[in-house]
Amino acid sequence: MSENVYDTAANDEDFAALLNHSFEQYADPRRGEIRTARILSVSEREVIVDLGAKQDGIVRSQDLERMDESFRRSLQVGQEIPVYVLNPRDQDESLVVSINMGMQRYDWDEAARLLASETPTEVVVSGYNKGGVLVRWRRLEGFIPSSHLTTNAQNPERPISALVDQTLVVKVIEVDQDRRRLIFSEREAQKETRLKQKAKLLAELKEGDRTFGVVTGLRDFGAFVNIGGADGLIHVSELAWHRVDHPRDILKAGDRIEVYVLSLDRETNRIALSRKRLLNDPWESAATKYHEGQLVEGTVTNVVDFGAFVALDDGLEGLLHLSEMGDGSLKEPHSYVQKGDRLSLRISHLEPEKRRVGFTQRWGTPPEGSEAEAAEAPADESAAPPADEPEA
């Protein structure tokens, strides 16, 4: 007796569930709703579908034209497909639906998956505006803000219109189906690519290696150089043997230079490079190449309150003290010399073992050209009258 009671209760629950499903299936479609429909007929001008409503739905030719041709040809009678309700009842009392927008449901789901997994994908640029570029991804339209574009940033002189029809590798950074907002970033995709390239490069490089790279950026603290698809840093102290105030004083973006691998940090994916390690250390030959009192020329690398630092052409750098400038009566150096000035100097003292050299101008500024050498050369004894002959 009790088993029959339980069976009856179970049957009642099943019947109620079927009834609710029936009501849901045959309820009047609402604008914006997505339903699963079965294709009843296919023609060049329209597709008729059954979506469980009182009347069949119509897919207009305009919607068919937006589909990929191969997909449109694959539509067959009896096939189940998602449709988007455009108009539950138009002026002709027709139920108008869209297969194209119905299929977008899968694209929104895939976009959300890519966002969660941070997986790169490809988009095609379809247009542009002041804020960035419009792109096509599958059946959806998306957007890449200018701040997330790297392709055009590498060549700022090229107009953004040149990106139209180009394929870009991007990552999804925002998905909002309700607002139909889909945002991509080329910068984030390339960041991941660079990290992978850097990890690969770190596995292959060794400290002490020499390689070539291209300068990609200059900062106060150093220069970034791309070597094999990954960026390494030359600290400002490793750019030259002389003092470098800013990397732009000796490098510019786009320069191809040889670099020395100074250190590798595989835990943080950092590559430290050096330029000066590939240049001759001027102090190694300073004792034989220079001497006190020698006339030299150099370039001002920095001006401070107590004088100016001057680098000779081989990188040997020393101080021209304020008291050694001009006639020695200057009160401050900034009105007398500026960074980048070329100066004629004499070496006042030289200490190679301490890597120090001092300059002076108080011994007189030499004439230019050959006259300078003549001023330094000893007098020609053959031109003087013989000692045993009286002068006229």
Protein backbone atom coordinates (compact mmCIF):
# COMPACT_ATOMS: atom_id res chain seq x y z
CA MET A 1 0.00 0.00 0.00
CA SER A 2 2.79 2.41 0.92
CA GLU A 3 4.71 1.62 -2.33
CA ASN A 4 1.70 2.74 -4.42
CA VAL A 5 1.55 6.01 -2.50
CA TYR A 6 5.26 6.72 -3.20
CA ASP A 7 4.84 5.78 -6.86
CA THR A 8 1.88 8.14 -7.24
CA ALA A 9 3.84 11.02 -5.65
CA ALA A 10 6.80 10.41 -7.95
CA ASN A 11 4.54 10.36 -11.01
CA ASP A 12 2.93 13.63 -9.91
CA GLU A 13 6.37 15.27 -9.66
CA ASP A 14 7.38 14.03 -13.11
CA PHE A 15 4.12 15.27 -14.61
CA ALA A 16 4.56 18.71 -13.00
CA ALA A 17 8.10 18.97 -14.36
CA LEU A 18 6.96 18.04 -17.86
CA LEU A 19 4.11 20.54 -17.64
CA ASN A 20 6.43 23.35 -16.55
CA HIS A 21 8.82 22.49 -19.36
CA SER A 22 5.94 22.53 -21.81
CA PHE A 23 4.83 25.97 -20.61
CA GLU A 24 8.40 27.27 -20.89
CA GLN A 25 8.86 25.77 -24.34
CA TYR A 26 5.64 27.14 -25.79
CA ALA A 27 5.58 30.48 -23.98
CA ASP A 28 5.53 33.51 -26.24
CA PRO A 29 9.08 34.45 -27.33
CA ARG A 30 10.50 37.67 -25.92
CA ARG A 31 12.75 40.13 -27.71
CA GLY A 32 16.40 39.38 -26.93
CA GLU A 33 15.69 35.80 -25.89
CA ILE A 34 17.84 32.97 -27.26
CA ARG A 35 16.09 29.68 -28.01
CA THR A 36 17.07 26.37 -29.55
CA ALA A 37 15.20 25.95 -32.84
CA ARG A 38 14.89 23.22 -35.49
CA ILE A 39 15.28 24.15 -39.15
CA LEU A 40 12.11 23.45 -41.16
CA SER A 41 13.19 24.83 -44.56
CA VAL A 42 16.16 26.52 -46.19
CA SER A 43 16.10 28.82 -49.23
CA GLU A 44 18.29 31.57 -50.68
CA ARG A 45 16.05 34.29 -49.24
CA GLU A 46 15.05 32.89 -45.82
CA VAL A 47 15.18 30.05 -43.33
CA ILE A 48 12.09 28.85 -41.44
CA VAL A 49 12.62 27.43 -37.95
CA ASP A 50 10.47 25.86 -35.25
CA LEU A 51 11.33 27.29 -31.85
CA GLY A 52 8.40 25.78 -29.91
CA ALA A 53 6.15 28.83 -30.24
CA LYS A 54 2.66 29.22 -31.63
CA GLN A 55 4.18 30.27 -34.94
CA ASP A 56 7.39 29.46 -36.78
CA GLY A 57 10.28 31.86 -36.85
CA ILE A 58 11.70 33.50 -39.96
CA VAL A 59 15.36 34.18 -40.58
CA ARG A 60 15.53 37.04 -43.11
CA SER A 61 17.99 37.30 -46.02
CA GLN A 62 19.82 40.17 -44.31
CA ASP A 63 20.78 37.81 -41.50
CA LEU A 64 21.87 35.10 -43.92
CA GLU A 65 24.14 37.56 -45.73
CA ARG A 66 26.03 38.29 -42.51
CA MET A 67 26.97 34.63 -42.12
CA ASP A 68 30.12 33.03 -43.40
CA GLU A 69 29.33 31.44 -46.76
CA SER A 70 30.55 27.98 -45.76
CA PHE A 71 28.41 28.10 -42.61
CA ARG A 72 25.37 29.25 -44.55
CA ARG A 73 25.77 26.32 -46.98
CA SER A 74 25.97 23.89 -44.05
CA LEU A 75 22.43 24.71 -42.81
CA GLN A 76 20.14 21.68 -43.27
CA VAL A 77 16.53 20.78 -42.58
CA GLY A 78 16.19 19.09 -39.19
CA GLN A 79 19.31 20.73 -37.79
CA GLU A 80 19.02 22.25 -34.32
CA ILE A 81 20.50 25.68 -33.93
CA PRO A 82 20.32 28.60 -31.46
CA VAL A 83 18.33 31.65 -32.62
CA TYR A 84 18.00 35.16 -31.22
CA VAL A 85 14.51 36.68 -31.10
CA LEU A 86 14.72 40.00 -32.96
CA ASN A 87 10.99 40.78 -33.09
CA PRO A 88 8.22 38.59 -31.60
CA ARG A 89 5.74 40.20 -33.98
CA ASP A 90 6.68 42.56 -36.79
CA GLN A 91 4.33 44.60 -39.02
CA ASP A 92 3.51 41.43 -40.97
CA GLU A 93 2.72 39.56 -37.73
CA SER A 94 5.85 37.45 -38.33
CA LEU A 95 8.21 36.11 -35.66
CA VAL A 96 11.63 37.34 -36.80
CA VAL A 97 14.74 35.60 -35.46
CA SER A 98 18.48 35.66 -36.14
CA ILE A 99 20.71 32.63 -36.48
CA ASN A 100 23.76 34.87 -36.67
CA MET A 101 23.06 36.51 -33.31
CA GLY A 102 21.97 33.19 -31.82
CA MET A 103 25.32 31.68 -32.71
CA GLN A 104 27.00 34.61 -30.98
CA ARG A 105 25.98 33.01 -27.72
CA TYR A 106 28.71 30.42 -28.26
CA ASP A 107 31.17 33.19 -29.11
CA TRP A 108 30.40 35.05 -25.88
CA ASP A 109 30.89 31.80 -23.96
CA GLU A 110 34.21 31.25 -25.74
CA ALA A 111 35.29 34.85 -25.04
CA ALA A 112 34.57 34.32 -21.33
CA ARG A 113 36.64 31.13 -21.42
CA LEU A 114 39.56 32.93 -23.07
CA LEU A 115 39.32 35.68 -20.45
CA ALA A 116 39.48 33.14 -17.63
CA SER A 117 42.33 31.15 -19.17
CA GLU A 118 44.23 34.23 -20.44
CA THR A 119 44.71 32.43 -23.76
CA PRO A 120 45.80 34.60 -26.75
CA THR A 121 43.65 34.67 -29.88
CA GLU A 122 43.57 36.47 -33.24
CA VAL A 123 41.37 39.36 -34.41
CA VAL A 124 41.07 41.30 -37.66
CA VAL A 125 41.03 45.11 -37.56
CA SER A 126 37.83 46.38 -39.17
CA GLY A 127 37.96 50.10 -38.36
CA TYR A 128 39.28 52.76 -36.03
CA ASN A 129 38.37 55.87 -34.03
CA LYS A 130 40.10 58.32 -31.71
CA GLY A 131 40.19 55.80 -28.88
CA GLY A 132 41.59 52.79 -30.69
CA VAL A 133 40.67 50.18 -33.31
CA LEU A 134 37.52 48.15 -33.98
CA VAL A 135 38.06 44.44 -34.56
CA ARG A 136 36.15 41.35 -35.69
CA TRP A 137 36.47 38.18 -33.63
CA ARG A 138 34.42 35.25 -34.84
CA ARG A 139 30.88 36.69 -35.07
CA LEU A 140 31.47 39.47 -32.54
CA GLU A 141 32.74 43.01 -32.75
CA GLY A 142 35.37 44.07 -30.26
CA PHE A 143 37.65 46.96 -29.46
CA ILE A 144 41.36 47.51 -28.71
CA PRO A 145 42.10 50.81 -26.88
CA SER A 146 45.07 52.77 -28.21
CA SER A 147 46.89 52.22 -24.92
CA HIS A 148 46.75 48.46 -25.56
CA LEU A 149 48.07 48.62 -29.12
CA THR A 150 51.73 47.78 -29.68
CA THR A 151 51.89 47.26 -33.46
CA ASN A 152 51.24 50.92 -34.19
CA ALA A 153 53.23 52.12 -31.17
CA GLN A 154 56.39 50.63 -32.73
CA ASN A 155 55.94 52.97 -35.70
CA PRO A 156 54.12 56.09 -34.40
CA GLU A 157 54.51 57.92 -37.71
CA ARG A 158 52.29 55.38 -39.47
CA PRO A 159 48.58 56.34 -39.42
CA ILE A 160 46.28 54.09 -37.41
CA SER A 161 44.22 53.55 -40.58
CA ALA A 162 47.07 51.38 -41.88
CA LEU A 163 46.05 48.69 -39.38
CA VAL A 164 42.70 48.01 -41.11
CA ASP A 165 42.48 44.39 -42.37
CA GLN A 166 45.57 43.40 -40.37
CA THR A 167 45.47 40.34 -38.12
CA LEU A 168 46.64 40.96 -34.54
CA VAL A 169 47.41 38.55 -31.72
CA VAL A 170 45.53 39.71 -28.61
CA LYS A 171 44.18 38.67 -25.23
CA VAL A 172 40.63 39.19 -23.96
CA ILE A 173 40.63 41.63 -21.04
CA GLU A 174 36.90 42.38 -20.62
CA VAL A 175 33.66 40.54 -21.46
CA ASP A 176 30.21 42.04 -20.82
CA GLN A 177 27.58 40.27 -22.91
CA ASP A 178 24.68 42.34 -21.55
CA ARG A 179 26.35 45.55 -22.74
CA ARG A 180 27.82 43.77 -25.78
CA ARG A 181 31.24 44.96 -24.65
CA LEU A 182 34.27 42.91 -25.71
CA ILE A 183 37.73 44.45 -25.11
CA PHE A 184 41.05 43.04 -26.29
CA SER A 185 44.69 43.91 -25.58
CA GLU A 186 47.60 43.39 -27.96
CA ARG A 187 49.99 44.62 -25.27
CA GLU A 188 48.98 41.89 -22.81
CA ALA A 189 49.33 39.18 -25.47
CA GLN A 190 52.80 40.38 -26.41
CA LYS A 191 53.77 40.62 -22.75
CA GLU A 192 53.12 36.91 -22.38
CA THR A 193 54.94 36.16 -25.62
CA ARG A 194 57.94 38.18 -24.47
CA LEU A 195 58.00 36.34 -21.15
CA LYS A 196 58.09 32.99 -22.96
CA GLN A 197 60.80 34.22 -25.30
CA LYS A 198 62.76 35.57 -22.35
CA ALA A 199 62.53 32.27 -20.47
CA LYS A 200 63.76 30.45 -23.59
CA LEU A 201 66.58 32.95 -24.05
CA LEU A 202 67.61 32.70 -20.39
CA ALA A 203 67.91 28.94 -20.80
CA GLU A 204 70.27 29.41 -23.76
CA LEU A 205 72.37 32.41 -22.64
CA LYS A 206 75.44 32.31 -20.43
CA GLU A 207 77.08 35.07 -18.43
CA GLY A 208 79.97 36.45 -20.45
CA ASP A 209 78.28 35.89 -23.82
CA ARG A 210 78.50 38.60 -26.48
CA THR A 211 75.52 39.22 -28.73
CA PHE A 212 73.84 41.91 -30.80
CA GLY A 213 70.59 43.67 -30.02
CA VAL A 214 68.43 46.67 -30.88
CA VAL A 215 67.82 49.55 -28.46
CA THR A 216 64.07 49.60 -27.72
CA GLY A 217 63.81 52.19 -24.96
CA LEU A 218 65.77 54.75 -22.97
CA ARG A 219 65.14 55.61 -19.32
CA ASP A 220 67.00 57.65 -16.72
CA PHE A 221 68.39 54.47 -15.21
CA GLY A 222 69.51 52.76 -18.42
CA ALA A 223 68.71 51.41 -21.88
CA PHE A 224 66.52 48.44 -22.84
CA VAL A 225 67.95 46.28 -25.62
CA ASN A 226 66.05 43.53 -27.43
CA ILE A 227 68.20 40.43 -27.90
CA GLY A 228 66.56 37.45 -29.55
CA GLY A 229 63.02 38.63 -28.88
CA ALA A 230 63.50 39.52 -25.20
CA ASP A 231 64.60 42.74 -23.53
CA GLY A 232 67.66 43.11 -21.35
CA LEU A 233 68.78 46.20 -19.43
CA ILE A 234 72.04 48.11 -19.69
CA HIS A 235 72.30 50.11 -16.49
CA VAL A 236 73.50 53.66 -17.02
CA SER A 237 76.74 52.79 -15.21
CA GLU A 238 77.44 50.05 -17.78
CA LEU A 239 77.00 52.19 -20.89
CA ALA A 240 80.53 53.64 -21.06
CA TRP A 241 83.72 53.99 -19.02
CA HIS A 242 83.05 57.70 -18.57
CA ARG A 243 80.15 59.24 -16.67
CA VAL A 244 76.82 59.07 -18.59
CA ASP A 245 74.16 61.45 -17.36
CA HIS A 246 71.38 59.94 -19.50
CA PRO A 247 71.47 57.05 -22.02
CA ARG A 248 70.24 59.35 -24.80
CA ASP A 249 73.62 61.08 -24.66
CA ILE A 250 75.19 58.09 -26.44
CA LEU A 251 72.31 55.94 -27.75
CA LYS A 252 69.00 56.31 -29.51
CA ALA A 253 66.05 53.96 -30.03
CA GLY A 254 66.63 51.69 -33.01
CA ASP A 255 70.43 51.56 -32.66
CA ARG A 256 71.91 48.09 -33.25
CA ILE A 257 74.71 47.50 -30.77
CA GLU A 258 76.85 44.69 -29.43
CA VAL A 259 76.33 43.88 -25.75
CA TYR A 260 77.96 41.76 -23.08
CA VAL A 261 75.80 39.48 -20.88
CA LEU A 262 76.64 40.68 -17.39
CA SER A 263 74.27 38.56 -15.30
CA LEU A 264 71.18 36.35 -15.59
CA ASP A 265 68.41 35.98 -13.01
CA ARG A 266 66.27 33.04 -14.09
CA GLU A 267 63.91 33.39 -11.14
CA THR A 268 62.88 36.95 -12.05
CA ASN A 269 63.55 36.60 -15.81
CA ARG A 270 65.97 39.54 -15.74
CA ILE A 271 68.92 40.00 -18.08
CA ALA A 272 71.63 42.52 -17.17
CA LEU A 273 73.75 43.71 -20.08
CA SER A 274 76.83 45.87 -20.47
CA ARG A 275 78.20 47.97 -23.29
CA LYS A 276 81.33 49.28 -21.64
CA ARG A 277 82.73 45.77 -21.02
CA LEU A 278 83.21 45.51 -24.80
CA LEU A 279 85.09 48.84 -24.92
CA ASN A 280 88.76 49.19 -24.04
CA ASP A 281 89.28 50.32 -20.46
CA PRO A 282 91.12 53.64 -20.97
CA TRP A 283 92.83 53.35 -17.58
CA GLU A 284 94.74 50.25 -18.63
CA SER A 285 96.87 52.28 -21.05
CA ALA A 286 96.61 55.68 -19.35
CA ALA A 287 100.14 55.57 -17.87
CA THR A 288 101.77 55.06 -21.27
CA LYS A 289 99.37 57.16 -23.34
CA TYR A 290 99.20 60.30 -21.17
CA HIS A 291 101.48 62.39 -18.99
CA GLU A 292 101.17 65.46 -16.79
CA GLY A 293 101.30 68.69 -18.77
CA GLN A 294 100.02 67.02 -21.95
CA LEU A 295 97.63 69.00 -24.16
CA VAL A 296 94.34 67.15 -24.72
CA GLU A 297 90.76 67.75 -25.85
CA GLY A 298 87.65 66.45 -24.16
CA THR A 299 83.89 66.71 -23.92
CA VAL A 300 82.07 68.04 -20.86
CA THR A 301 79.93 65.19 -19.45
CA ASN A 302 78.55 66.99 -16.40
CA VAL A 303 78.72 70.41 -14.75
CA VAL A 304 78.60 70.70 -10.95
CA ASP A 305 79.03 73.59 -8.53
CA PHE A 306 82.75 72.90 -8.00
CA GLY A 307 83.68 72.34 -11.66
CA ALA A 308 83.06 70.16 -14.71
CA PHE A 309 83.71 66.51 -15.50
CA VAL A 310 85.40 66.07 -18.85
CA ALA A 311 85.84 62.83 -20.83
CA LEU A 312 88.61 62.38 -23.35
CA ASP A 313 87.76 60.66 -26.62
CA ASP A 314 88.85 57.22 -25.36
CA GLY A 315 86.58 57.51 -22.30
CA LEU A 316 89.12 58.61 -19.71
CA GLU A 317 87.23 61.02 -17.46
CA GLY A 318 88.49 63.53 -14.94
CA LEU A 319 87.67 66.79 -13.20
CA LEU A 320 88.32 70.32 -14.36
CA HIS A 321 88.00 72.08 -11.02
CA LEU A 322 86.47 75.56 -10.86
CA SER A 323 89.83 76.95 -9.71
CA GLU A 324 91.47 75.53 -12.87
CA MET A 325 88.96 77.04 -15.32
CA GLY A 326 89.99 79.98 -17.45
CA ASP A 327 92.25 82.26 -15.41
CA GLY A 328 91.08 80.72 -12.13
CA SER A 329 88.91 83.67 -11.07
CA LEU A 330 85.48 82.18 -11.95
CA LYS A 331 82.84 82.15 -9.19
CA GLU A 332 80.66 79.40 -10.70
CA PRO A 333 81.11 77.09 -13.73
CA HIS A 334 77.61 76.99 -15.25
CA SER A 335 77.97 80.25 -17.19
CA TYR A 336 81.39 79.21 -18.49
CA VAL A 337 80.84 75.62 -19.70
CA GLN A 338 77.85 73.43 -20.54
CA LYS A 339 77.35 69.74 -20.98
CA GLY A 340 78.55 68.68 -24.44
CA ASP A 341 81.11 71.48 -24.84
CA ARG A 342 84.49 70.60 -26.35
CA LEU A 343 87.41 71.99 -24.35
CA SER A 344 91.16 72.28 -24.81
CA LEU A 345 92.91 71.25 -21.60
CA ARG A 346 96.16 70.15 -20.09
CA ILE A 347 96.57 67.25 -17.72
CA SER A 348 97.45 68.72 -14.31
CA HIS A 349 97.87 65.42 -12.49
CA LEU A 350 97.51 61.75 -13.45
CA GLU A 351 97.03 58.81 -11.04
CA PRO A 352 96.24 55.66 -13.08
CA GLU A 353 96.45 53.41 -10.01
CA LYS A 354 93.63 55.43 -8.42
CA ARG A 355 91.84 55.92 -11.76
CA ARG A 356 92.01 59.69 -11.32
CA VAL A 357 93.00 62.49 -13.65
CA GLY A 358 92.78 66.26 -13.24
CA PHE A 359 92.67 68.95 -15.91
CA THR A 360 93.56 72.63 -16.02
CA GLN A 361 93.19 75.60 -18.33
CA ARG A 362 95.40 77.92 -16.30
CA TRP A 363 98.47 76.98 -18.36
CA GLY A 364 96.96 78.77 -21.31
CA THR A 365 94.69 77.72 -24.08
CA PRO A 366 96.88 76.47 -26.96
CA PRO A 367 96.58 77.78 -30.50
CA GLU A 368 94.68 75.62 -32.95
CA GLY A 369 96.14 73.13 -35.42
CA SER A 370 99.83 72.80 -36.05
CA GLU A 371 100.56 75.99 -34.09
CA ALA A 372 99.55 74.16 -30.92
CA GLU A 373 102.13 71.46 -31.57
CA ALA A 374 104.72 74.09 -32.42
CA ALA A 375 104.04 75.82 -29.11
CA GLU A 376 104.74 72.54 -27.30
CA ALA A 377 107.80 71.54 -29.34
CA PRO A 378 111.29 72.60 -28.23
CA ALA A 379 112.98 75.38 -30.20
CA ASP A 380 114.87 74.30 -33.35
CA GLU A 381 118.55 74.63 -32.32
CA SER A 382 119.68 74.72 -35.96
CA ALA A 383 117.90 78.03 -36.40
CA ALA A 384 119.93 79.72 -33.62
CA PRO A 385 123.24 81.44 -34.45
CA PRO A 386 126.46 79.46 -33.62
CA ALA A 387 127.75 80.10 -30.16
CA ASP A 388 131.25 81.08 -31.39
CA GLU A 389 130.06 83.65 -33.91
CA PRO A 390 129.24 87.14 -32.67
CA GLU A 391 125.85 88.54 -33.51
CA ALA A 392 125.71 91.37 -36.00
